[in-house]
């Protein structure tokens, strides 16, 4: 007789912001990404509860989803802090700060790749760099989206910047 195991829902979803305009569009997208990662992590936790050895053997996706969740939470937190401060920053400055933070993480991760003897530690660090790179790409796309929509959020992302696909590469 198989013993019933308790649910291991480790994470709870984050509610979407009601007002979906300006910087909240960016915030809601990263909330969606964090919630997707939460769903994946909770599915993996259930598999781990059922068969830990098997789940660990197929855990690479968990490193990826954990990194995406962590990056999304940082971005959501920065936007939230700026919105709640006594002197709220403009959407322009918030997005520019996010791009700068993401760029710093990507450059640091690329300049100093992990070289620990811990394979999981190296994989985790590589996935964090990849998650920051993906976030940076998305932030540049948001900047272009706002410029094309004529919203007073951002400048034209192509001013003096070379083109690469459908988004501009920062200098």
Foldseek 3Di string as FASTA:
>chain_A
DDDDDDQCQPDDADDQDPDCDQCSVVLRVLSVLLRVLSVVVSVLVVVCRVPVVVSVVVCLVNLLSVLSNVLSVVLNVLQVCLVPDPNRDALQVSLVVLLVVLVVLLVVCVVQQDDDPDPVVNSNSVSNNVSSVVSNQVSQVVQCVCVVVVHPRHDHQVVVFDDDPPGTDDD
